[in-house]
Structures are given as C-alpha cells and as structure tokens.
Amino acid sequence: MLLILADDDARPLHEQVAAAVRRAIAAGECAPGERVPPARELAAALGVNANTVLRALRELREEGLLDFRRGRGIRVAARPEQGELMERVRELVTAAERMGVTRAELATMIEGV
C-alpha cells in the first residue's frame, strides 16, 4: 500500500492518513480481507506519529472499512466501492458543516431525495 500525504493539506494529520487509506482501498490497492501494514510501519513510512496513524485506523474501523482482529492484525473489511462512497459521504458532511448545515439537517435532506 503506497500512501502519500500532501504538504499543502490543511486538514489534521489523522484525517489525511485516513483519507490516504480510503483512497488506497477505493483504488483497489487493498482488497477486502487483505492485511493492512502495522500502524508503526505506516507511521514510519509517512513520517508521522504512530498514535496519529492509530487514530486514523480507528476512524476507518468505525466507518466499516477496516476490521481489527486480536492476533490477526488489521484487515480491509469493505469493498473498494464502499470506500469510495464513504469518502464522498465525508466530503458531503464537511461541505455541509462549512455551510452551517447540521448532520441532522443533512440527513433530513438526504431522506428527501
């Protein structure tokens, strides 16, 4: 898995790491069931703190993209299409927040479509 962080990205590092992993999943670089490198290895490759990577990986677990198994490591849980969809959903939520729309209001809008 090749992950690259942009120098000009103003988002917090954990969000950048999560987005990079999402992109890798969406691009098919990581197939469902495939093991994700350990957080320390990813942190060293990206030049960030391991806790930053762990925070990003936990976020992706909450989204259903990754599966954590004790003794088996972290594996890709979702299909690449789901990863792409989740990235777009996050972009939509971010755009809504910038416009002052709450998540509840956004959910109501989506239900009305």
N, C-alpha and C. Protein backbone atom coordinates (compact mmCIF):
# COMPACT_ATOMS: atom_id res chain seq x y z
N MET A 1 0.86 -1.17 0.00
CA MET A 1 0.00 0.00 0.00
C MET A 1 0.90 1.23 0.00
N LEU A 2 0.75 2.03 -1.03
CA LEU A 2 1.53 3.26 -1.15
C LEU A 2 0.67 4.44 -0.71
N LEU A 3 1.07 5.07 0.38
CA LEU A 3 0.33 6.21 0.91
C LEU A 3 1.20 7.44 0.85
N ILE A 4 0.60 8.55 0.40
CA ILE A 4 1.32 9.81 0.31
C ILE A 4 0.46 10.91 0.91
N LEU A 5 1.07 11.75 1.74
CA LEU A 5 0.37 12.88 2.32
C LEU A 5 0.82 14.15 1.60
N ALA A 6 -0.12 15.03 1.32
CA ALA A 6 0.19 16.28 0.63
C ALA A 6 0.72 17.31 1.63
N ASP A 7 1.78 18.00 1.25
CA ASP A 7 2.37 19.01 2.13
C ASP A 7 1.45 20.21 2.32
N ASP A 8 0.61 20.51 1.34
CA ASP A 8 -0.24 21.69 1.40
C ASP A 8 -1.64 21.42 1.95
N ASP A 9 -1.88 20.22 2.48
CA ASP A 9 -3.19 19.86 3.03
C ASP A 9 -3.31 20.43 4.44
N ALA A 10 -4.33 21.23 4.68
CA ALA A 10 -4.51 21.89 5.97
C ALA A 10 -5.25 21.03 6.99
N ARG A 11 -5.79 19.89 6.56
CA ARG A 11 -6.52 19.04 7.49
C ARG A 11 -5.58 18.44 8.54
N PRO A 12 -6.11 18.07 9.70
CA PRO A 12 -5.29 17.39 10.70
C PRO A 12 -4.66 16.12 10.11
N LEU A 13 -3.49 15.76 10.61
CA LEU A 13 -2.76 14.62 10.05
C LEU A 13 -3.56 13.32 10.08
N HIS A 14 -4.31 13.07 11.17
CA HIS A 14 -5.06 11.81 11.23
C HIS A 14 -6.11 11.74 10.12
N GLU A 15 -6.70 12.89 9.77
CA GLU A 15 -7.68 12.92 8.67
C GLU A 15 -6.99 12.68 7.33
N GLN A 16 -5.80 13.21 7.17
CA GLN A 16 -5.05 12.99 5.94
C GLN A 16 -4.67 11.52 5.78
N VAL A 17 -4.25 10.90 6.87
CA VAL A 17 -3.88 9.48 6.84
C VAL A 17 -5.11 8.64 6.51
N ALA A 18 -6.23 8.93 7.16
CA ALA A 18 -7.47 8.19 6.90
C ALA A 18 -7.89 8.34 5.43
N ALA A 19 -7.79 9.56 4.90
CA ALA A 19 -8.15 9.79 3.50
C ALA A 19 -7.23 9.01 2.56
N ALA A 20 -5.94 8.95 2.89
CA ALA A 20 -4.99 8.22 2.04
C ALA A 20 -5.31 6.73 2.03
N VAL A 21 -5.67 6.18 3.19
CA VAL A 21 -6.03 4.76 3.25
C VAL A 21 -7.34 4.52 2.49
N ARG A 22 -8.31 5.43 2.66
CA ARG A 22 -9.58 5.32 1.91
C ARG A 22 -9.31 5.29 0.42
N ARG A 23 -8.44 6.20 -0.05
CA ARG A 23 -8.12 6.25 -1.48
C ARG A 23 -7.49 4.94 -1.95
N ALA A 24 -6.59 4.39 -1.13
CA ALA A 24 -5.94 3.12 -1.49
C ALA A 24 -6.97 1.99 -1.59
N ILE A 25 -7.92 1.99 -0.68
CA ILE A 25 -8.97 0.97 -0.72
C ILE A 25 -9.86 1.18 -1.95
N ALA A 26 -10.25 2.43 -2.19
CA ALA A 26 -11.12 2.74 -3.33
C ALA A 26 -10.43 2.43 -4.65
N ALA A 27 -9.11 2.62 -4.71
CA ALA A 27 -8.36 2.37 -5.94
C ALA A 27 -8.07 0.89 -6.14
N GLY A 28 -8.43 0.07 -5.17
CA GLY A 28 -8.21 -1.37 -5.29
C GLY A 28 -6.80 -1.80 -4.92
N GLU A 29 -6.02 -0.89 -4.34
CA GLU A 29 -4.68 -1.26 -3.90
C GLU A 29 -4.73 -2.25 -2.74
N CYS A 30 -5.84 -2.23 -2.02
CA CYS A 30 -6.06 -3.13 -0.89
C CYS A 30 -7.40 -3.81 -1.08
N ALA A 31 -7.38 -5.09 -1.22
CA ALA A 31 -8.62 -5.86 -1.43
C ALA A 31 -9.23 -6.27 -0.10
N PRO A 32 -10.54 -6.51 -0.07
CA PRO A 32 -11.17 -7.00 1.16
C PRO A 32 -10.46 -8.25 1.65
N GLY A 33 -10.20 -8.28 2.95
CA GLY A 33 -9.50 -9.41 3.55
C GLY A 33 -7.99 -9.22 3.61
N GLU A 34 -7.47 -8.29 2.83
CA GLU A 34 -6.03 -8.05 2.81
C GLU A 34 -5.59 -7.36 4.09
N ARG A 35 -4.44 -7.74 4.56
CA ARG A 35 -3.91 -7.17 5.80
C ARG A 35 -3.31 -5.79 5.54
N VAL A 36 -3.58 -4.86 6.46
CA VAL A 36 -3.04 -3.51 6.41
C VAL A 36 -1.72 -3.53 7.21
N PRO A 37 -0.70 -2.86 6.72
CA PRO A 37 0.56 -2.83 7.48
C PRO A 37 0.33 -2.31 8.90
N PRO A 38 1.17 -2.74 9.84
CA PRO A 38 1.03 -2.26 11.22
C PRO A 38 1.16 -0.74 11.30
N ALA A 39 0.52 -0.16 12.31
CA ALA A 39 0.50 1.29 12.49
C ALA A 39 1.91 1.87 12.57
N ARG A 40 2.79 1.20 13.26
CA ARG A 40 4.17 1.71 13.39
C ARG A 40 4.86 1.76 12.03
N GLU A 41 4.62 0.75 11.22
CA GLU A 41 5.22 0.72 9.87
C GLU A 41 4.66 1.84 9.00
N LEU A 42 3.33 2.02 9.04
CA LEU A 42 2.71 3.11 8.28
C LEU A 42 3.21 4.47 8.77
N ALA A 43 3.32 4.62 10.09
CA ALA A 43 3.78 5.89 10.66
C ALA A 43 5.21 6.20 10.20
N ALA A 44 6.07 5.20 10.19
CA ALA A 44 7.45 5.41 9.76
C ALA A 44 7.50 5.79 8.28
N ALA A 45 6.68 5.13 7.47
CA ALA A 45 6.66 5.41 6.03
C ALA A 45 6.13 6.81 5.73
N LEU A 46 5.19 7.28 6.54
CA LEU A 46 4.57 8.59 6.33
C LEU A 46 5.27 9.71 7.08
N GLY A 47 6.13 9.35 8.01
CA GLY A 47 6.82 10.36 8.80
C GLY A 47 5.93 11.03 9.82
N VAL A 48 4.98 10.27 10.38
CA VAL A 48 4.09 10.81 11.40
C VAL A 48 4.14 9.91 12.63
N ASN A 49 3.53 10.36 13.71
CA ASN A 49 3.48 9.61 14.95
C ASN A 49 2.57 8.39 14.80
N ALA A 50 2.92 7.29 15.45
CA ALA A 50 2.10 6.08 15.39
C ALA A 50 0.70 6.31 15.95
N ASN A 51 0.58 7.19 16.96
CA ASN A 51 -0.75 7.48 17.51
C ASN A 51 -1.64 8.18 16.49
N THR A 52 -1.04 8.98 15.63
CA THR A 52 -1.79 9.64 14.55
C THR A 52 -2.36 8.58 13.61
N VAL A 53 -1.55 7.61 13.25
CA VAL A 53 -1.99 6.54 12.36
C VAL A 53 -3.06 5.70 13.05
N LEU A 54 -2.87 5.37 14.32
CA LEU A 54 -3.87 4.59 15.04
C LEU A 54 -5.21 5.30 15.10
N ARG A 55 -5.18 6.60 15.28
CA ARG A 55 -6.44 7.37 15.31
C ARG A 55 -7.14 7.28 13.95
N ALA A 56 -6.37 7.39 12.89
CA ALA A 56 -6.94 7.28 11.53
C ALA A 56 -7.51 5.88 11.30
N LEU A 57 -6.78 4.86 11.71
CA LEU A 57 -7.25 3.49 11.51
C LEU A 57 -8.51 3.20 12.31
N ARG A 58 -8.59 3.74 13.53
CA ARG A 58 -9.81 3.56 14.33
C ARG A 58 -11.00 4.23 13.66
N GLU A 59 -10.78 5.40 13.07
CA GLU A 59 -11.84 6.11 12.35
C GLU A 59 -12.34 5.25 11.19
N LEU A 60 -11.42 4.63 10.47
CA LEU A 60 -11.80 3.78 9.34
C LEU A 60 -12.50 2.51 9.81
N ARG A 61 -12.15 2.03 10.99
CA ARG A 61 -12.86 0.88 11.56
C ARG A 61 -14.30 1.26 11.86
N GLU A 62 -14.50 2.46 12.42
CA GLU A 62 -15.85 2.94 12.74
C GLU A 62 -16.68 3.09 11.47
N GLU A 63 -16.03 3.42 10.36
CA GLU A 63 -16.73 3.57 9.08
C GLU A 63 -17.02 2.21 8.43
N GLY A 64 -16.44 1.16 8.98
CA GLY A 64 -16.67 -0.17 8.43
C GLY A 64 -15.70 -0.56 7.33
N LEU A 65 -14.66 0.24 7.13
CA LEU A 65 -13.69 -0.07 6.08
C LEU A 65 -12.61 -1.03 6.54
N LEU A 66 -12.31 -1.03 7.84
CA LEU A 66 -11.27 -1.89 8.38
C LEU A 66 -11.84 -2.77 9.48
N ASP A 67 -11.21 -3.92 9.66
CA ASP A 67 -11.62 -4.87 10.69
C ASP A 67 -10.40 -5.17 11.55
N PHE A 68 -10.51 -4.92 12.85
CA PHE A 68 -9.41 -5.19 13.78
C PHE A 68 -9.66 -6.55 14.43
N ARG A 69 -8.70 -7.44 14.35
CA ARG A 69 -8.80 -8.76 14.99
C ARG A 69 -7.57 -8.99 15.85
N ARG A 70 -7.80 -9.27 17.10
CA ARG A 70 -6.68 -9.53 18.01
C ARG A 70 -5.88 -10.74 17.51
N GLY A 71 -4.60 -10.55 17.37
CA GLY A 71 -3.72 -11.63 16.92
C GLY A 71 -3.66 -11.80 15.41
N ARG A 72 -4.55 -11.15 14.68
CA ARG A 72 -4.57 -11.26 13.22
C ARG A 72 -4.28 -9.93 12.53
N GLY A 73 -4.21 -8.87 13.31
CA GLY A 73 -3.92 -7.57 12.74
C GLY A 73 -5.15 -6.87 12.19
N ILE A 74 -4.89 -5.90 11.35
CA ILE A 74 -5.95 -5.08 10.76
C ILE A 74 -6.12 -5.49 9.31
N ARG A 75 -7.36 -5.72 8.91
CA ARG A 75 -7.64 -6.14 7.54
C ARG A 75 -8.68 -5.22 6.91
N VAL A 76 -8.64 -5.15 5.59
CA VAL A 76 -9.64 -4.39 4.84
C VAL A 76 -10.95 -5.16 4.92
N ALA A 77 -12.01 -4.47 5.33
CA ALA A 77 -13.30 -5.13 5.51
C ALA A 77 -14.27 -4.84 4.38
N ALA A 78 -14.17 -3.66 3.79
CA ALA A 78 -15.17 -3.22 2.81
C ALA A 78 -14.66 -3.35 1.38
N ARG A 79 -15.60 -3.44 0.47
CA ARG A 79 -15.26 -3.41 -0.96
C ARG A 79 -14.75 -2.03 -1.33
N PRO A 80 -13.91 -1.93 -2.35
CA PRO A 80 -13.41 -0.62 -2.76
C PRO A 80 -14.52 0.38 -3.07
N GLU A 81 -15.62 -0.07 -3.63
CA GLU A 81 -16.72 0.84 -3.96
C GLU A 81 -17.27 1.48 -2.69
N GLN A 82 -17.34 0.72 -1.62
CA GLN A 82 -17.82 1.27 -0.36
C GLN A 82 -16.85 2.32 0.16
N GLY A 83 -15.57 2.08 -0.02
CA GLY A 83 -14.57 3.05 0.41
C GLY A 83 -14.71 4.36 -0.33
N GLU A 84 -14.93 4.28 -1.63
CA GLU A 84 -15.11 5.48 -2.43
C GLU A 84 -16.37 6.22 -2.00
N LEU A 85 -17.42 5.46 -1.76
CA LEU A 85 -18.68 6.07 -1.32
C LEU A 85 -18.50 6.76 0.03
N MET A 86 -17.80 6.10 0.96
CA MET A 86 -17.58 6.70 2.27
C MET A 86 -16.77 7.99 2.15
N GLU A 87 -15.81 8.02 1.25
CA GLU A 87 -15.02 9.24 1.07
C GLU A 87 -15.91 10.38 0.58
N ARG A 88 -16.82 10.06 -0.34
CA ARG A 88 -17.73 11.09 -0.85
C ARG A 88 -18.71 11.55 0.22
N VAL A 89 -19.15 10.62 1.06
CA VAL A 89 -20.05 10.99 2.16
C VAL A 89 -19.33 11.94 3.11
N ARG A 90 -18.08 11.63 3.42
CA ARG A 90 -17.31 12.51 4.31
C ARG A 90 -17.14 13.89 3.69
N GLU A 91 -16.89 13.95 2.38
CA GLU A 91 -16.77 15.23 1.69
C GLU A 91 -18.08 16.01 1.79
N LEU A 92 -19.21 15.31 1.64
CA LEU A 92 -20.52 15.95 1.73
C LEU A 92 -20.74 16.51 3.14
N VAL A 93 -20.42 15.73 4.15
CA VAL A 93 -20.59 16.17 5.54
C VAL A 93 -19.71 17.39 5.81
N THR A 94 -18.48 17.37 5.32
CA THR A 94 -17.57 18.51 5.51
C THR A 94 -18.13 19.75 4.83
N ALA A 95 -18.61 19.59 3.60
CA ALA A 95 -19.18 20.74 2.88
C ALA A 95 -20.40 21.27 3.61
N ALA A 96 -21.24 20.39 4.12
CA ALA A 96 -22.44 20.82 4.85
C ALA A 96 -22.05 21.59 6.12
N GLU A 97 -21.04 21.09 6.82
CA GLU A 97 -20.60 21.77 8.04
C GLU A 97 -20.08 23.17 7.73
N ARG A 98 -19.36 23.31 6.62
CA ARG A 98 -18.86 24.63 6.22
C ARG A 98 -20.00 25.59 5.93
N MET A 99 -21.14 25.05 5.48
CA MET A 99 -22.29 25.89 5.15
C MET A 99 -23.22 26.08 6.34
N GLY A 100 -22.85 25.50 7.49
CA GLY A 100 -23.66 25.66 8.68
C GLY A 100 -24.82 24.69 8.78
N VAL A 101 -24.81 23.65 7.97
CA VAL A 101 -25.88 22.64 7.99
C VAL A 101 -25.47 21.55 8.98
N THR A 102 -26.35 21.24 9.92
CA THR A 102 -26.04 20.19 10.90
C THR A 102 -26.18 18.82 10.25
N ARG A 103 -25.63 17.82 10.91
CA ARG A 103 -25.73 16.45 10.39
C ARG A 103 -27.19 15.99 10.35
N ALA A 104 -27.96 16.39 11.34
CA ALA A 104 -29.38 16.03 11.36
C ALA A 104 -30.11 16.66 10.17
N GLU A 105 -29.81 17.92 9.90
CA GLU A 105 -30.44 18.59 8.75
C GLU A 105 -30.00 17.93 7.44
N LEU A 106 -28.72 17.55 7.37
CA LEU A 106 -28.22 16.88 6.17
C LEU A 106 -28.90 15.54 5.98
N ALA A 107 -29.08 14.80 7.07
CA ALA A 107 -29.76 13.51 6.99
C ALA A 107 -31.20 13.69 6.49
N THR A 108 -31.87 14.73 6.96
CA THR A 108 -33.23 15.02 6.51
C THR A 108 -33.25 15.33 5.02
N MET A 109 -32.26 16.10 4.57
CA MET A 109 -32.16 16.42 3.15
C MET A 109 -31.97 15.14 2.31
N ILE A 110 -31.10 14.26 2.78
CA ILE A 110 -30.82 13.02 2.05
C ILE A 110 -32.08 12.15 2.00
N GLU A 111 -32.79 12.07 3.10
CA GLU A 111 -34.02 11.27 3.13
C GLU A 111 -35.05 11.81 2.16
N GLY A 112 -35.01 13.11 1.88
CA GLY A 112 -35.97 13.72 0.97
C GLY A 112 -35.66 13.52 -0.50
N VAL A 113 -34.47 12.99 -0.78
CA VAL A 113 -34.08 12.80 -2.19
C VAL A 113 -34.73 11.57 -2.75
